[in-house]
N, C-alpha and C. Protein backbone atom coordinates (compact mmCIF):
# COMPACT_ATOMS: atom_id res chain seq x y z
N UNK A 1 -25.33 -3.11 0.20
CA UNK A 1 -24.66 -3.13 1.49
C UNK A 1 -22.99 -2.66 1.64
N UNK A 2 -22.30 -3.63 0.69
CA UNK A 2 -21.04 -3.64 0.21
C UNK A 2 -20.88 -2.25 -0.32
N UNK A 3 -21.47 -2.11 -1.45
CA UNK A 3 -21.27 -0.48 -1.66
C UNK A 3 -21.58 0.82 -0.84
N UNK A 4 -22.54 0.82 0.21
CA UNK A 4 -22.79 2.15 1.49
C UNK A 4 -21.03 1.88 1.92
N UNK A 5 -20.36 0.67 2.07
CA UNK A 5 -19.52 0.85 3.07
C UNK A 5 -18.22 1.31 2.07
N UNK A 6 -18.21 0.90 0.94
CA UNK A 6 -16.79 1.71 0.26
C UNK A 6 -17.42 2.98 0.04
N UNK A 7 -18.71 3.54 0.07
CA UNK A 7 -18.81 4.80 -0.26
C UNK A 7 -18.37 5.54 0.94
N UNK A 8 -18.71 5.08 2.25
CA UNK A 8 -18.28 5.48 3.55
C UNK A 8 -17.01 5.46 3.36
N UNK A 9 -16.13 4.77 3.17
CA UNK A 9 -14.59 4.66 3.36
C UNK A 9 -13.82 5.36 2.92
N UNK A 10 -14.26 5.55 1.74
CA UNK A 10 -14.04 6.34 0.37
C UNK A 10 -14.15 8.09 1.07
N UNK A 11 -15.03 8.30 1.50
CA UNK A 11 -15.19 9.70 1.79
C UNK A 11 -14.51 10.25 2.84
N UNK A 12 -13.95 9.16 4.22
CA UNK A 12 -13.31 9.19 5.00
C UNK A 12 -11.53 9.42 4.34
N UNK A 13 -11.21 8.78 3.27
CA UNK A 13 -10.02 8.52 2.97
C UNK A 13 -9.42 9.43 1.74
N UNK A 14 -10.42 10.35 1.30
CA UNK A 14 -10.58 10.68 -0.24
C UNK A 14 -9.21 12.04 -0.03
N UNK A 15 -8.70 12.42 0.92
CA UNK A 15 -7.93 13.25 0.63
C UNK A 15 -6.44 12.76 1.16
N UNK A 16 -6.91 11.57 1.45
CA UNK A 16 -5.18 10.56 1.60
C UNK A 16 -4.15 10.76 0.23
N UNK A 17 -2.98 10.80 0.27
CA UNK A 17 -1.71 11.06 -0.67
C UNK A 17 -1.83 9.30 -1.03
N UNK A 18 -1.59 8.55 -0.22
CA UNK A 18 -1.45 7.36 -0.24
C UNK A 18 -2.43 6.34 0.36
N UNK A 19 -2.41 5.27 -0.32
CA UNK A 19 -3.52 4.54 0.32
C UNK A 19 -3.03 3.01 0.43
N UNK A 20 -2.83 2.69 1.74
CA UNK A 20 -2.21 0.97 1.63
C UNK A 20 -3.64 -0.26 1.92
N UNK A 21 -3.67 -0.71 1.18
CA UNK A 21 -4.96 -1.67 1.61
C UNK A 21 -4.41 -3.52 1.77
N UNK A 22 -4.83 -3.78 2.81
CA UNK A 22 -4.01 -4.72 3.27
C UNK A 22 -5.72 -5.73 3.74
N UNK A 23 -5.70 -7.35 3.60
CA UNK A 23 -6.77 -8.15 3.71
C UNK A 23 -7.00 -9.19 3.63
N UNK A 24 -7.48 -10.28 4.03
CA UNK A 24 -7.90 -11.47 3.16
C UNK A 24 -9.16 -11.11 2.18
N UNK A 25 -9.08 -12.39 0.98
CA UNK A 25 -10.18 -12.43 -0.07
C UNK A 25 -10.08 -11.45 -0.94
N UNK A 26 -11.28 -11.54 -1.63
CA UNK A 26 -11.34 -10.55 -3.09
C UNK A 26 -11.83 -9.02 -2.84
N UNK A 27 -12.38 -8.63 -1.59
CA UNK A 27 -12.94 -7.75 -1.79
C UNK A 27 -11.74 -6.51 -1.80
N UNK A 28 -10.30 -6.94 -1.31
CA UNK A 28 -9.48 -5.71 -1.88
C UNK A 28 -9.59 -5.40 -3.28
N UNK A 29 -9.70 -6.30 -4.12
CA UNK A 29 -9.70 -5.96 -5.77
C UNK A 29 -10.62 -5.15 -5.76
N UNK A 30 -12.34 -5.53 -5.34
CA UNK A 30 -13.20 -4.60 -5.90
C UNK A 30 -12.94 -3.48 -5.44
N UNK A 31 -12.47 -3.11 -4.09
CA UNK A 31 -12.04 -1.80 -3.60
C UNK A 31 -11.29 -1.00 -4.34
N UNK A 32 -10.23 -1.77 -4.77
CA UNK A 32 -9.36 -0.99 -5.62
C UNK A 32 -10.01 -0.38 -6.96
N UNK A 33 -10.85 -0.93 -7.77
CA UNK A 33 -11.47 -0.75 -8.74
C UNK A 33 -12.77 0.23 -8.26
N UNK A 34 -13.40 0.33 -7.02
CA UNK A 34 -13.94 1.67 -6.53
C UNK A 34 -13.26 2.69 -6.49
N UNK A 35 -11.96 2.62 -6.09
CA UNK A 35 -11.28 3.62 -6.03
C UNK A 35 -11.10 4.30 -7.20
N UNK A 36 -10.45 3.30 -8.41
CA UNK A 36 -10.06 3.95 -9.55
C UNK A 36 -11.42 4.37 -9.91
N UNK A 37 -12.35 4.19 -10.01
CA UNK A 37 -13.67 4.98 -10.37
C UNK A 37 -13.66 6.29 -9.91
N UNK A 38 -13.58 6.31 -8.51
CA UNK A 38 -13.48 7.39 -7.78
C UNK A 38 -12.71 8.72 -7.68
N UNK A 39 -11.44 8.37 -8.53
CA UNK A 39 -10.29 8.63 -9.10
C UNK A 39 -9.11 9.06 -8.27
N UNK A 40 -9.14 7.79 -7.15
CA UNK A 40 -7.97 7.82 -6.13
C UNK A 40 -6.84 6.73 -6.69
N UNK A 41 -7.53 5.97 -7.82
CA UNK A 41 -6.55 4.80 -7.76
C UNK A 41 -5.15 4.88 -8.06
N UNK A 42 -4.88 6.17 -8.06
CA UNK A 42 -3.57 6.19 -8.50
C UNK A 42 -2.62 6.82 -7.10
N UNK A 43 -3.25 6.83 -5.75
CA UNK A 43 -3.05 7.12 -4.58
C UNK A 43 -2.94 5.70 -3.97
N UNK A 44 -3.31 4.44 -4.34
CA UNK A 44 -2.80 3.08 -3.89
C UNK A 44 -1.08 2.64 -4.16
N UNK A 45 -0.89 2.62 -2.78
CA UNK A 45 0.65 2.39 -2.99
C UNK A 45 0.75 0.66 -2.78
N UNK A 46 0.11 0.41 -2.31
CA UNK A 46 -0.09 -1.49 -2.00
C UNK A 46 -1.12 -2.16 -2.04
N UNK A 47 -1.32 -3.29 -2.36
CA UNK A 47 -2.58 -4.12 -2.21
C UNK A 47 -1.70 -5.29 -1.36
N UNK A 48 -2.11 -5.82 -0.41
CA UNK A 48 -1.34 -7.06 0.29
C UNK A 48 -2.51 -8.14 0.35
N UNK A 49 -2.18 -8.98 0.37
CA UNK A 49 -3.36 -10.26 0.81
C UNK A 49 -2.79 -10.78 1.88
N UNK A 50 -3.63 -10.13 3.07
CA UNK A 50 -3.09 -11.11 4.26
C UNK A 50 -3.93 -11.16 5.33
N UNK A 51 -3.66 -12.30 6.09
CA UNK A 51 -4.84 -12.89 7.17
C UNK A 51 -4.95 -11.76 8.43
N UNK A 52 -5.43 -12.47 9.31
CA UNK A 52 -5.47 -11.84 10.63
C UNK A 52 -4.31 -11.12 11.08
N UNK A 53 -3.93 -10.02 11.43
CA UNK A 53 -3.02 -8.76 11.78
C UNK A 53 -3.25 -8.66 13.38
N UNK A 54 -2.27 -8.46 14.08
CA UNK A 54 -2.50 -7.78 15.38
C UNK A 54 -2.08 -6.49 14.76
N UNK A 55 -2.51 -5.39 15.94
CA UNK A 55 -2.01 -4.13 15.64
C UNK A 55 -0.78 -3.66 15.57
N UNK A 56 0.14 -4.58 16.20
CA UNK A 56 1.45 -4.19 16.11
C UNK A 56 2.03 -4.64 14.61
N UNK A 57 1.25 -5.90 14.20
CA UNK A 57 1.56 -6.21 12.75
C UNK A 57 1.33 -5.33 11.91
N UNK A 58 0.07 -4.91 12.08
CA UNK A 58 -0.35 -3.73 10.98
C UNK A 58 0.67 -2.52 11.04
N UNK A 59 1.04 -2.05 12.27
CA UNK A 59 1.68 -0.91 12.38
C UNK A 59 2.96 -1.25 11.65
N UNK A 60 3.87 -2.41 11.79
CA UNK A 60 4.96 -2.61 11.37
C UNK A 60 4.59 -2.27 10.00
N UNK A 61 3.66 -3.34 9.31
CA UNK A 61 3.67 -3.19 7.62
C UNK A 61 3.36 -1.78 7.22
N UNK A 62 2.97 -1.12 7.90
CA UNK A 62 2.43 0.33 7.46
C UNK A 62 4.19 1.10 7.09
N UNK A 63 4.71 0.94 8.53
CA UNK A 63 6.03 1.69 8.65
C UNK A 63 6.99 0.93 7.45
N UNK A 64 6.80 -0.62 7.02
CA UNK A 64 7.80 -0.89 6.09
C UNK A 64 7.42 -0.23 4.92
N UNK A 65 6.09 -0.53 4.47
CA UNK A 65 5.50 0.52 3.40
C UNK A 65 5.88 1.74 3.15
N UNK A 66 6.00 2.41 4.33
CA UNK A 66 6.35 4.15 3.99
C UNK A 66 7.53 4.29 4.77
N UNK A 67 8.58 3.29 4.79
CA UNK A 67 9.99 4.01 5.22
C UNK A 67 10.44 5.20 3.95
N UNK A 68 11.47 6.01 4.49
CA UNK A 68 11.67 7.27 3.53
C UNK A 68 13.12 6.49 2.91
């Protein structure tokens, strides 16, 4: 099931130039490995371990990452 989920997510972000991965647990690392196998590893700009976040916290973290 997780493999299909990763496939679905990757199919939706394939054209992304920058990928920021946030979340708890070990799945982040597995997802980065999958992105690398799919040739998208170079697009990962950050991987952060975070617990529950509100929409505002997520937006703030993304703004912080992508400030020019």
